[in-house]
Amino acid sequence: MSGLNKGVGKVEVTLKWDPSPIGAAAHDLDIIAGVYTADEPYGAPAYLVHFDSRSPDGTITLTRDSRTGQGFGYDEAMVLELDRLAPLYARVVVGVAIQQGTGRRTFGDISNTGVRVREGYTELAAHSFDDVAGATAATVVEFTREGTDGWSYRSVLRGFDTDPQSFTALMGARPA
């Protein structure tokens, strides 16, 4: 499957990881979406959607939030209704950050991590985070809209070594 396709409308990003060992502090991973305007597609995000939030217009919603990874399969889920986003938005970047409240944790420290991007039953992208094992946060997919051609997606696994707050300011920056 190509890494760049046109015409995505409503997608779901899901996240999984194994719970921490008994007696250890819980691992908490979070899906984060940054929405960017057509005027500043690589500037500061117009808004962010993450735990305990949703987009102002209801087009991006975190439907399941896990704080421990307990459950079967993909425990955390975010739905993005790209085809409903206002025309002033032209780029959405989705990433995953590890909460660092109990000490520095990387993707390599957490067992069985994985993220999946699907439109309906079609898998658009999937990552295990093995390629960014030393990172504390990572971007996973980028959606862009150009004119009336609809939304395109591109798988963009890129690791960052930063806290979740700083990650939200960096995740949409143009790669160096």
N, C-alpha and C. Protein backbone atom coordinates (compact mmCIF):
# COMPACT_ATOMS: atom_id res chain seq x y z
N MET A 1 0.85 -1.17 0.00
CA MET A 1 0.00 0.00 0.00
C MET A 1 0.89 1.23 0.00
N SER A 2 0.55 2.22 -0.71
CA SER A 2 1.29 3.47 -0.81
C SER A 2 1.23 4.22 0.51
N GLY A 3 2.28 5.01 0.80
CA GLY A 3 2.29 5.81 2.01
C GLY A 3 1.51 7.10 1.87
N LEU A 4 1.07 7.42 0.67
CA LEU A 4 0.34 8.66 0.46
C LEU A 4 -0.88 8.34 -0.40
N ASN A 5 -2.06 8.56 0.16
CA ASN A 5 -3.30 8.28 -0.55
C ASN A 5 -4.26 9.43 -0.37
N LYS A 6 -5.14 9.62 -1.34
CA LYS A 6 -6.11 10.72 -1.27
C LYS A 6 -7.50 10.20 -0.93
N GLY A 7 -8.27 11.09 -0.35
CA GLY A 7 -9.66 10.79 -0.16
C GLY A 7 -10.06 10.17 1.15
N VAL A 8 -9.23 10.27 2.20
CA VAL A 8 -9.66 9.75 3.49
C VAL A 8 -10.68 10.70 4.11
N GLY A 9 -11.68 10.13 4.79
CA GLY A 9 -12.74 10.94 5.36
C GLY A 9 -12.83 10.83 6.87
N LYS A 10 -13.18 9.65 7.35
CA LYS A 10 -13.33 9.43 8.79
C LYS A 10 -12.37 8.30 9.16
N VAL A 11 -11.44 8.59 10.07
CA VAL A 11 -10.44 7.60 10.45
C VAL A 11 -10.44 7.40 11.96
N GLU A 12 -9.92 6.26 12.36
CA GLU A 12 -9.76 5.97 13.78
C GLU A 12 -8.30 5.62 14.03
N VAL A 13 -7.73 6.23 15.06
CA VAL A 13 -6.37 5.93 15.49
C VAL A 13 -6.51 5.20 16.82
N THR A 14 -5.92 4.00 16.91
CA THR A 14 -6.01 3.24 18.15
C THR A 14 -4.61 2.93 18.66
N LEU A 15 -4.51 2.77 19.97
CA LEU A 15 -3.22 2.60 20.64
C LEU A 15 -3.30 1.44 21.62
N LYS A 16 -2.21 0.67 21.69
CA LYS A 16 -2.16 -0.43 22.66
C LYS A 16 -0.79 -0.47 23.32
N TRP A 17 -0.75 -1.04 24.51
CA TRP A 17 0.48 -1.33 25.23
C TRP A 17 0.13 -2.26 26.38
N ASP A 18 1.14 -2.99 26.86
CA ASP A 18 0.92 -3.89 27.98
C ASP A 18 1.01 -3.10 29.28
N PRO A 19 0.21 -3.50 30.28
CA PRO A 19 0.31 -2.84 31.59
C PRO A 19 1.70 -3.03 32.19
N SER A 20 2.07 -2.15 33.11
CA SER A 20 3.36 -2.28 33.78
C SER A 20 3.34 -3.50 34.70
N PRO A 21 4.52 -4.00 35.06
CA PRO A 21 4.58 -5.16 35.96
C PRO A 21 3.94 -4.84 37.32
N ILE A 22 3.50 -5.86 38.00
CA ILE A 22 2.88 -5.70 39.32
C ILE A 22 3.85 -4.98 40.25
N GLY A 23 3.34 -3.97 40.95
CA GLY A 23 4.15 -3.21 41.88
C GLY A 23 4.84 -2.00 41.26
N ALA A 24 4.87 -1.93 39.94
CA ALA A 24 5.49 -0.78 39.26
C ALA A 24 4.41 0.26 38.93
N ALA A 25 4.85 1.49 38.77
CA ALA A 25 3.91 2.56 38.39
C ALA A 25 3.32 2.27 37.01
N ALA A 26 2.08 2.65 36.83
CA ALA A 26 1.38 2.40 35.56
C ALA A 26 2.00 3.21 34.43
N HIS A 27 2.05 2.61 33.24
CA HIS A 27 2.45 3.30 32.03
C HIS A 27 1.20 3.99 31.47
N ASP A 28 1.31 5.25 31.12
CA ASP A 28 0.18 5.98 30.54
C ASP A 28 0.62 6.62 29.24
N LEU A 29 0.11 6.10 28.14
CA LEU A 29 0.38 6.64 26.82
C LEU A 29 -0.86 7.37 26.34
N ASP A 30 -0.66 8.44 25.57
CA ASP A 30 -1.78 9.24 25.12
C ASP A 30 -1.68 9.56 23.64
N ILE A 31 -2.82 9.46 22.94
CA ILE A 31 -2.92 9.91 21.56
C ILE A 31 -3.17 11.42 21.59
N ILE A 32 -2.46 12.14 20.74
CA ILE A 32 -2.61 13.59 20.66
C ILE A 32 -2.74 13.97 19.19
N ALA A 33 -3.71 14.83 18.87
CA ALA A 33 -3.87 15.34 17.51
C ALA A 33 -3.66 16.85 17.54
N GLY A 34 -2.81 17.33 16.63
CA GLY A 34 -2.61 18.77 16.45
C GLY A 34 -3.23 19.18 15.14
N VAL A 35 -4.04 20.23 15.15
CA VAL A 35 -4.73 20.71 13.96
C VAL A 35 -4.12 22.05 13.55
N TYR A 36 -3.76 22.16 12.26
CA TYR A 36 -3.04 23.33 11.76
C TYR A 36 -3.82 23.99 10.63
N THR A 37 -3.70 25.31 10.55
CA THR A 37 -4.43 26.06 9.52
C THR A 37 -3.68 26.02 8.20
N ALA A 38 -4.40 26.36 7.13
CA ALA A 38 -3.79 26.42 5.80
C ALA A 38 -2.76 27.54 5.74
N ASP A 39 -2.96 28.61 6.51
CA ASP A 39 -2.02 29.72 6.53
C ASP A 39 -0.71 29.37 7.23
N GLU A 40 -0.76 28.51 8.23
CA GLU A 40 0.43 28.12 9.00
C GLU A 40 0.45 26.61 9.23
N PRO A 41 0.62 25.81 8.17
CA PRO A 41 0.56 24.37 8.34
C PRO A 41 1.70 23.78 9.18
N TYR A 42 2.80 24.53 9.36
CA TYR A 42 3.91 24.06 10.19
C TYR A 42 4.16 24.99 11.37
N GLY A 43 3.22 25.87 11.65
CA GLY A 43 3.33 26.78 12.78
C GLY A 43 2.78 26.15 14.05
N ALA A 44 2.33 26.97 14.94
CA ALA A 44 1.70 26.48 16.17
C ALA A 44 0.34 25.87 15.82
N PRO A 45 -0.06 24.81 16.52
CA PRO A 45 -1.36 24.22 16.22
C PRO A 45 -2.50 25.19 16.57
N ALA A 46 -3.52 25.19 15.74
CA ALA A 46 -4.72 25.99 16.02
C ALA A 46 -5.39 25.46 17.29
N TYR A 47 -5.36 24.14 17.45
CA TYR A 47 -5.82 23.51 18.68
C TYR A 47 -5.29 22.09 18.76
N LEU A 48 -5.35 21.54 19.97
CA LEU A 48 -4.91 20.17 20.24
C LEU A 48 -6.09 19.37 20.78
N VAL A 49 -6.09 18.09 20.47
CA VAL A 49 -7.07 17.18 21.06
C VAL A 49 -6.26 16.06 21.72
N HIS A 50 -6.54 15.84 23.00
CA HIS A 50 -5.84 14.82 23.79
C HIS A 50 -6.76 14.37 24.90
N PHE A 51 -6.20 13.68 25.90
CA PHE A 51 -7.03 13.18 26.99
C PHE A 51 -7.88 14.30 27.57
N ASP A 52 -9.07 13.98 27.92
CA ASP A 52 -10.03 14.92 28.52
C ASP A 52 -10.40 16.09 27.61
N SER A 53 -10.28 15.93 26.28
CA SER A 53 -10.69 17.02 25.41
C SER A 53 -11.24 16.47 24.10
N ARG A 54 -11.80 17.37 23.31
CA ARG A 54 -12.24 17.06 21.96
C ARG A 54 -12.13 18.36 21.17
N SER A 55 -12.23 18.27 19.86
CA SER A 55 -12.12 19.48 19.04
C SER A 55 -13.33 20.37 19.30
N PRO A 56 -13.15 21.69 19.13
CA PRO A 56 -14.26 22.62 19.38
C PRO A 56 -15.51 22.31 18.56
N ASP A 57 -15.33 21.78 17.34
CA ASP A 57 -16.48 21.48 16.48
C ASP A 57 -16.93 20.03 16.56
N GLY A 58 -16.30 19.23 17.41
CA GLY A 58 -16.69 17.83 17.58
C GLY A 58 -16.22 16.89 16.49
N THR A 59 -15.31 17.32 15.62
CA THR A 59 -14.85 16.47 14.52
C THR A 59 -13.73 15.52 14.93
N ILE A 60 -13.06 15.80 16.05
CA ILE A 60 -12.00 14.93 16.56
C ILE A 60 -12.31 14.64 18.01
N THR A 61 -12.45 13.36 18.33
CA THR A 61 -12.87 12.96 19.67
C THR A 61 -12.06 11.77 20.15
N LEU A 62 -11.58 11.86 21.39
CA LEU A 62 -10.95 10.71 22.03
C LEU A 62 -12.09 9.88 22.60
N THR A 63 -12.34 8.72 22.00
CA THR A 63 -13.49 7.93 22.40
C THR A 63 -13.17 6.94 23.52
N ARG A 64 -11.91 6.56 23.64
CA ARG A 64 -11.48 5.67 24.74
C ARG A 64 -10.12 6.15 25.22
N ASP A 65 -9.97 6.31 26.53
CA ASP A 65 -8.71 6.74 27.12
C ASP A 65 -8.31 5.73 28.18
N SER A 66 -7.16 5.11 28.00
CA SER A 66 -6.64 4.16 28.98
C SER A 66 -5.48 4.81 29.72
N ARG A 67 -5.43 4.64 31.01
CA ARG A 67 -4.31 5.18 31.79
C ARG A 67 -3.35 4.09 32.21
N THR A 68 -3.65 2.83 31.84
CA THR A 68 -2.82 1.72 32.30
C THR A 68 -2.44 0.72 31.21
N GLY A 69 -3.16 0.71 30.10
CA GLY A 69 -2.93 -0.30 29.07
C GLY A 69 -3.66 -1.60 29.33
N GLN A 70 -4.44 -1.65 30.40
CA GLN A 70 -5.18 -2.87 30.72
C GLN A 70 -6.35 -3.03 29.76
N GLY A 71 -6.54 -4.24 29.33
CA GLY A 71 -7.61 -4.53 28.39
C GLY A 71 -7.08 -5.42 27.29
N PHE A 72 -7.90 -5.75 26.36
CA PHE A 72 -7.50 -6.62 25.27
C PHE A 72 -7.27 -5.80 24.01
N GLY A 73 -6.10 -5.91 23.45
CA GLY A 73 -5.82 -5.23 22.20
C GLY A 73 -5.66 -3.74 22.35
N TYR A 74 -6.28 -3.01 21.46
CA TYR A 74 -6.14 -1.55 21.40
C TYR A 74 -7.09 -0.91 22.40
N ASP A 75 -6.53 -0.24 23.41
CA ASP A 75 -7.31 0.28 24.54
C ASP A 75 -7.70 1.74 24.41
N GLU A 76 -6.95 2.51 23.64
CA GLU A 76 -7.21 3.94 23.52
C GLU A 76 -7.57 4.21 22.07
N ALA A 77 -8.54 5.08 21.83
CA ALA A 77 -9.00 5.33 20.46
C ALA A 77 -9.40 6.79 20.27
N MET A 78 -9.05 7.32 19.09
CA MET A 78 -9.43 8.67 18.70
C MET A 78 -10.05 8.59 17.31
N VAL A 79 -11.19 9.26 17.13
CA VAL A 79 -11.87 9.31 15.84
C VAL A 79 -11.69 10.72 15.27
N LEU A 80 -11.27 10.76 14.00
CA LEU A 80 -11.07 12.03 13.30
C LEU A 80 -11.99 12.06 12.09
N GLU A 81 -12.95 12.97 12.09
CA GLU A 81 -13.85 13.14 10.96
C GLU A 81 -13.29 14.26 10.09
N LEU A 82 -12.29 13.93 9.30
CA LEU A 82 -11.56 14.91 8.51
C LEU A 82 -12.46 15.61 7.50
N ASP A 83 -13.37 14.86 6.90
CA ASP A 83 -14.24 15.44 5.88
C ASP A 83 -15.20 16.49 6.44
N ARG A 84 -15.31 16.59 7.76
CA ARG A 84 -16.16 17.59 8.40
C ARG A 84 -15.39 18.80 8.91
N LEU A 85 -14.05 18.74 8.86
CA LEU A 85 -13.24 19.87 9.35
C LEU A 85 -13.46 21.10 8.47
N ALA A 86 -13.50 22.27 9.09
CA ALA A 86 -13.69 23.53 8.36
C ALA A 86 -12.56 23.73 7.35
N PRO A 87 -12.84 24.40 6.23
CA PRO A 87 -11.84 24.60 5.18
C PRO A 87 -10.57 25.33 5.62
N LEU A 88 -10.62 26.08 6.71
CA LEU A 88 -9.42 26.80 7.14
C LEU A 88 -8.35 25.86 7.69
N TYR A 89 -8.72 24.61 8.01
CA TYR A 89 -7.74 23.63 8.51
C TYR A 89 -7.25 22.77 7.36
N ALA A 90 -5.93 22.66 7.25
CA ALA A 90 -5.35 21.94 6.12
C ALA A 90 -4.40 20.83 6.53
N ARG A 91 -4.13 20.69 7.82
CA ARG A 91 -3.17 19.67 8.25
C ARG A 91 -3.52 19.21 9.65
N VAL A 92 -3.46 17.89 9.86
CA VAL A 92 -3.66 17.30 11.18
C VAL A 92 -2.53 16.30 11.38
N VAL A 93 -1.81 16.44 12.50
CA VAL A 93 -0.73 15.53 12.85
C VAL A 93 -1.15 14.78 14.10
N VAL A 94 -1.01 13.45 14.07
CA VAL A 94 -1.38 12.63 15.22
C VAL A 94 -0.11 11.99 15.77
N GLY A 95 0.03 12.07 17.08
CA GLY A 95 1.19 11.51 17.74
C GLY A 95 0.80 10.79 19.02
N VAL A 96 1.80 10.20 19.65
CA VAL A 96 1.62 9.49 20.91
C VAL A 96 2.69 9.97 21.87
N ALA A 97 2.30 10.30 23.09
CA ALA A 97 3.24 10.73 24.12
C ALA A 97 3.10 9.84 25.34
N ILE A 98 4.22 9.57 25.98
CA ILE A 98 4.23 8.80 27.22
C ILE A 98 4.25 9.79 28.38
N GLN A 99 3.30 9.69 29.28
CA GLN A 99 3.31 10.53 30.47
C GLN A 99 4.56 10.21 31.29
N GLN A 100 5.21 11.25 31.79
CA GLN A 100 6.50 11.08 32.48
C GLN A 100 6.42 11.35 33.97
N GLY A 101 5.23 11.29 34.55
CA GLY A 101 5.05 11.64 35.96
C GLY A 101 5.81 10.78 36.95
N THR A 102 6.09 9.54 36.62
CA THR A 102 6.77 8.65 37.57
C THR A 102 8.21 8.37 37.16
N GLY A 103 8.79 9.23 36.33
CA GLY A 103 10.16 9.03 35.87
C GLY A 103 10.18 8.82 34.37
N ARG A 104 11.34 9.02 33.78
CA ARG A 104 11.49 8.95 32.33
C ARG A 104 11.22 7.54 31.81
N ARG A 105 10.31 7.44 30.85
CA ARG A 105 9.98 6.18 30.19
C ARG A 105 10.05 6.39 28.69
N THR A 106 10.56 5.40 27.99
CA THR A 106 10.62 5.44 26.53
C THR A 106 9.75 4.31 25.97
N PHE A 107 9.53 4.33 24.67
CA PHE A 107 8.75 3.25 24.06
C PHE A 107 9.44 1.91 24.26
N GLY A 108 10.77 1.90 24.32
CA GLY A 108 11.50 0.65 24.56
C GLY A 108 11.30 0.09 25.95
N ASP A 109 10.87 0.93 26.90
CA ASP A 109 10.62 0.49 28.28
C ASP A 109 9.25 -0.14 28.45
N ILE A 110 8.40 -0.03 27.46
CA ILE A 110 7.01 -0.47 27.57
C ILE A 110 6.76 -1.60 26.58
N SER A 111 6.24 -2.69 27.06
CA SER A 111 6.03 -3.88 26.23
C SER A 111 4.83 -3.76 25.31
N ASN A 112 4.98 -4.34 24.13
CA ASN A 112 3.87 -4.53 23.20
C ASN A 112 3.17 -3.25 22.79
N THR A 113 3.93 -2.19 22.53
CA THR A 113 3.31 -0.94 22.08
C THR A 113 2.93 -1.06 20.62
N GLY A 114 1.85 -0.41 20.27
CA GLY A 114 1.42 -0.40 18.87
C GLY A 114 0.36 0.65 18.63
N VAL A 115 0.36 1.18 17.42
CA VAL A 115 -0.65 2.14 17.01
C VAL A 115 -1.14 1.73 15.64
N ARG A 116 -2.41 1.94 15.40
CA ARG A 116 -3.03 1.54 14.14
C ARG A 116 -3.94 2.68 13.66
N VAL A 117 -3.90 2.94 12.36
CA VAL A 117 -4.75 3.96 11.75
C VAL A 117 -5.63 3.25 10.74
N ARG A 118 -6.94 3.38 10.91
CA ARG A 118 -7.88 2.70 10.01
C ARG A 118 -8.97 3.64 9.53
N GLU A 119 -9.41 3.38 8.33
CA GLU A 119 -10.62 4.01 7.80
C GLU A 119 -11.58 2.86 7.55
N GLY A 120 -12.62 2.79 8.38
CA GLY A 120 -13.51 1.63 8.32
C GLY A 120 -12.71 0.38 8.67
N TYR A 121 -12.75 -0.61 7.79
CA TYR A 121 -11.99 -1.84 8.02
C TYR A 121 -10.64 -1.84 7.31
N THR A 122 -10.31 -0.75 6.64
CA THR A 122 -9.06 -0.66 5.90
C THR A 122 -7.96 -0.09 6.79
N GLU A 123 -6.89 -0.84 6.97
CA GLU A 123 -5.75 -0.36 7.74
C GLU A 123 -4.90 0.54 6.85
N LEU A 124 -4.72 1.79 7.28
CA LEU A 124 -3.93 2.75 6.54
C LEU A 124 -2.47 2.74 6.98
N ALA A 125 -2.24 2.53 8.26
CA ALA A 125 -0.87 2.52 8.80
C ALA A 125 -0.87 1.77 10.12
N ALA A 126 0.28 1.20 10.47
CA ALA A 126 0.46 0.53 11.76
C ALA A 126 1.93 0.61 12.13
N HIS A 127 2.20 0.87 13.42
CA HIS A 127 3.57 0.97 13.91
C HIS A 127 3.67 0.26 15.25
N SER A 128 4.85 -0.29 15.53
CA SER A 128 5.09 -0.92 16.83
C SER A 128 5.96 -0.05 17.72
N PHE A 129 6.49 1.06 17.25
CA PHE A 129 7.39 1.96 17.96
C PHE A 129 8.78 1.38 18.16
N ASP A 130 9.09 0.22 17.57
CA ASP A 130 10.43 -0.35 17.67
C ASP A 130 11.48 0.57 17.06
N ASP A 131 11.15 1.27 16.00
CA ASP A 131 12.11 2.16 15.33
C ASP A 131 12.38 3.43 16.11
N VAL A 132 11.58 3.73 17.13
CA VAL A 132 11.78 4.91 17.97
C VAL A 132 11.81 4.49 19.44
N ALA A 133 12.45 3.36 19.72
CA ALA A 133 12.45 2.79 21.07
C ALA A 133 13.01 3.73 22.13
N GLY A 134 13.95 4.61 21.78
CA GLY A 134 14.54 5.53 22.74
C GLY A 134 13.77 6.82 22.92
N ALA A 135 12.65 6.97 22.23
CA ALA A 135 11.86 8.20 22.28
C ALA A 135 10.80 8.14 23.37
N THR A 136 10.40 9.32 23.83
CA THR A 136 9.32 9.43 24.82
C THR A 136 8.01 9.88 24.19
N ALA A 137 8.08 10.25 22.91
CA ALA A 137 6.89 10.67 22.14
C ALA A 137 7.20 10.45 20.67
N ALA A 138 6.16 10.33 19.86
CA ALA A 138 6.37 10.12 18.41
C ALA A 138 5.16 10.57 17.62
N THR A 139 5.42 11.13 16.44
CA THR A 139 4.33 11.35 15.51
C THR A 139 4.09 10.03 14.78
N VAL A 140 2.86 9.78 14.34
CA VAL A 140 2.56 8.52 13.67
C VAL A 140 1.92 8.69 12.30
N VAL A 141 1.12 9.73 12.12
CA VAL A 141 0.45 9.93 10.84
C VAL A 141 0.15 11.42 10.65
N GLU A 142 0.19 11.83 9.39
CA GLU A 142 -0.11 13.21 9.03
C GLU A 142 -1.19 13.20 7.96
N PHE A 143 -2.20 14.02 8.16
CA PHE A 143 -3.27 14.19 7.18
C PHE A 143 -3.17 15.59 6.61
N THR A 144 -3.25 15.73 5.30
CA THR A 144 -3.19 17.05 4.67
C THR A 144 -4.32 17.20 3.66
N ARG A 145 -4.76 18.44 3.51
CA ARG A 145 -5.81 18.75 2.55
C ARG A 145 -5.29 19.85 1.64
N GLU A 146 -5.42 19.60 0.34
CA GLU A 146 -5.03 20.61 -0.64
C GLU A 146 -6.19 20.83 -1.60
N GLY A 147 -6.77 22.00 -1.51
CA GLY A 147 -7.89 22.34 -2.40
C GLY A 147 -9.08 21.42 -2.20
N THR A 148 -9.67 21.00 -3.30
CA THR A 148 -10.87 20.17 -3.24
C THR A 148 -10.57 18.69 -3.44
N ASP A 149 -9.29 18.31 -3.44
CA ASP A 149 -8.91 16.91 -3.66
C ASP A 149 -9.19 16.02 -2.45
N GLY A 150 -9.60 16.58 -1.35
CA GLY A 150 -9.86 15.79 -0.16
C GLY A 150 -8.60 15.66 0.69
N TRP A 151 -8.66 14.77 1.64
CA TRP A 151 -7.58 14.58 2.60
C TRP A 151 -6.68 13.44 2.16
N SER A 152 -5.37 13.64 2.31
CA SER A 152 -4.36 12.61 2.06
C SER A 152 -3.76 12.22 3.41
N TYR A 153 -3.20 11.04 3.47
CA TYR A 153 -2.49 10.65 4.69
C TYR A 153 -1.10 10.18 4.33
N ARG A 154 -0.22 10.33 5.32
CA ARG A 154 1.14 9.87 5.16
C ARG A 154 1.60 9.34 6.51
N SER A 155 2.10 8.13 6.52
CA SER A 155 2.65 7.55 7.73
C SER A 155 3.97 8.27 8.05
N VAL A 156 4.12 8.81 9.26
CA VAL A 156 5.30 9.59 9.62
C VAL A 156 5.78 9.23 11.03
N LEU A 157 6.38 8.07 11.20
CA LEU A 157 6.89 7.68 12.51
C LEU A 157 8.19 8.46 12.75
N ARG A 158 8.12 9.40 13.69
CA ARG A 158 9.28 10.24 14.02
C ARG A 158 9.31 10.40 15.53
N GLY A 159 10.42 10.00 16.15
CA GLY A 159 10.54 10.03 17.60
C GLY A 159 11.05 11.35 18.13
N PHE A 160 10.66 11.65 19.36
CA PHE A 160 11.07 12.86 20.08
C PHE A 160 11.46 12.46 21.50
N ASP A 161 12.44 13.14 22.06
CA ASP A 161 12.84 12.90 23.45
C ASP A 161 12.47 14.14 24.24
N THR A 162 11.21 14.20 24.65
CA THR A 162 10.69 15.38 25.33
C THR A 162 9.47 15.00 26.16
N ASP A 163 9.03 15.92 27.00
CA ASP A 163 7.84 15.68 27.80
C ASP A 163 6.59 15.92 26.94
N PRO A 164 5.43 15.44 27.36
CA PRO A 164 4.21 15.59 26.55
C PRO A 164 3.87 17.04 26.20
N GLN A 165 4.06 17.97 27.13
CA GLN A 165 3.72 19.37 26.87
C GLN A 165 4.60 19.94 25.76
N SER A 166 5.90 19.71 25.83
CA SER A 166 6.82 20.20 24.81
C SER A 166 6.58 19.52 23.48
N PHE A 167 6.20 18.25 23.51
CA PHE A 167 5.92 17.50 22.30
C PHE A 167 4.81 18.17 21.49
N THR A 168 3.80 18.67 22.16
CA THR A 168 2.67 19.29 21.44
C THR A 168 3.12 20.52 20.65
N ALA A 169 4.18 21.18 21.10
CA ALA A 169 4.70 22.35 20.36
C ALA A 169 5.62 21.92 19.23
N LEU A 170 6.21 20.72 19.31
CA LEU A 170 7.18 20.25 18.32
C LEU A 170 6.60 19.32 17.26
N MET A 171 5.52 18.65 17.57
CA MET A 171 5.04 17.55 16.74
C MET A 171 4.66 17.96 15.32
N GLY A 172 4.25 19.18 15.12
CA GLY A 172 3.85 19.63 13.80
C GLY A 172 4.91 20.38 13.03
N ALA A 173 6.11 20.52 13.63
CA ALA A 173 7.18 21.26 12.97
C ALA A 173 7.68 20.50 11.74
N ARG A 174 8.15 21.27 10.79
CA ARG A 174 8.72 20.67 9.58
C ARG A 174 9.97 19.89 9.97
N PRO A 175 10.10 18.63 9.50
CA PRO A 175 11.32 17.86 9.82
C PRO A 175 12.57 18.57 9.35
N ALA A 176 13.62 18.47 10.14
CA ALA A 176 14.89 19.13 9.80
C ALA A 176 15.59 18.47 8.63
